[in-house]
Amino acid sequence: MASKRLLPLAAMEKILKQSGAERVSDKAKVALKSVIEEEAEKIASQAVKFAAHAGRKTVKAGDIRLAAK
């Protein structure tokens, strides 16, 4: 997973700074990226299952919201 560049590290820094961090280490950016991508994979997988259960090939926003709960 570490080799995949799904989310940019700059976005991780922006999220942390918007949350109040004055400075952000490179390791913190990488750690946040890893956690977010792992959670996103779980949500996406569950959303695909919800869409399939509903007889659809298309994953919809409602599937994502339901999977995120």
Protein backbone atom coordinates (compact mmCIF):
# COMPACT_ATOMS: atom_id res chain seq x y z
CA MET A 1 0.00 0.00 0.00
CA ALA A 2 2.85 2.39 0.75
CA SER A 3 3.87 2.44 -2.92
CA LYS A 4 0.42 3.50 -4.12
CA ARG A 5 -0.02 7.25 -4.45
CA LEU A 6 -3.78 7.46 -3.99
CA LEU A 7 -3.77 10.53 -1.76
CA PRO A 8 -1.12 13.26 -1.93
CA LEU A 9 0.92 14.01 1.19
CA ALA A 10 0.22 17.73 0.68
CA ALA A 11 -3.46 17.00 1.32
CA MET A 12 -2.56 15.25 4.59
CA GLU A 13 -0.59 18.32 5.70
CA LYS A 14 -3.51 20.57 4.78
CA ILE A 15 -5.94 18.46 6.83
CA LEU A 16 -3.63 18.50 9.85
CA LYS A 17 -3.04 22.24 9.61
CA GLN A 18 -6.76 22.93 9.24
CA SER A 19 -7.17 20.90 12.44
CA GLY A 20 -4.82 23.23 14.28
CA ALA A 21 -1.31 21.84 13.79
CA GLU A 22 1.34 24.53 13.39
CA ARG A 23 3.93 22.15 11.97
CA VAL A 24 3.59 18.63 10.57
CA SER A 25 6.35 16.03 10.27
CA ASP A 26 6.74 13.94 7.14
CA LYS A 27 6.11 10.79 9.22
CA ALA A 28 2.83 12.27 10.48
CA LYS A 29 1.69 12.93 6.90
CA VAL A 30 2.56 9.37 5.87
CA ALA A 31 0.82 7.91 8.95
CA LEU A 32 -2.39 9.89 8.32
CA LYS A 33 -2.32 8.93 4.64
CA SER A 34 -1.99 5.26 5.55
CA VAL A 35 -4.84 5.34 8.06
CA ILE A 36 -7.17 7.23 5.73
CA GLU A 37 -6.43 4.94 2.77
CA GLU A 38 -7.00 1.80 4.87
CA GLU A 39 -10.33 3.13 6.11
CA ALA A 40 -11.30 4.23 2.59
CA GLU A 41 -10.62 0.72 1.27
CA LYS A 42 -12.86 -0.81 3.95
CA ILE A 43 -15.66 1.66 3.19
CA ALA A 44 -15.33 1.17 -0.56
CA SER A 45 -15.42 -2.61 -0.24
CA GLN A 46 -18.54 -2.47 1.92
CA ALA A 47 -20.19 0.02 -0.46
CA VAL A 48 -19.58 -2.33 -3.39
CA LYS A 49 -21.28 -5.11 -1.42
CA PHE A 50 -24.28 -2.85 -0.71
CA ALA A 51 -24.59 -1.96 -4.40
CA ALA A 52 -24.38 -5.62 -5.43
CA HIS A 53 -26.97 -6.57 -2.81
CA ALA A 54 -29.28 -3.95 -4.31
CA GLY A 55 -28.73 -5.53 -7.74
CA ARG A 56 -26.63 -2.65 -9.06
CA LYS A 57 -23.18 -2.48 -10.62
CA THR A 58 -22.98 1.24 -9.87
CA VAL A 59 -21.87 2.32 -6.41
CA LYS A 60 -23.90 5.34 -5.33
CA ALA A 61 -23.31 8.03 -2.72
CA GLY A 62 -25.87 6.38 -0.42
CA ASP A 63 -23.86 3.15 -0.50
CA ILE A 64 -20.76 5.08 0.63
CA ARG A 65 -22.66 6.86 3.41
CA LEU A 66 -24.18 3.59 4.63
CA ALA A 67 -20.81 1.82 4.53
CA ALA A 68 -19.17 4.65 6.49
CA LYS A 69 -21.54 4.22 9.44
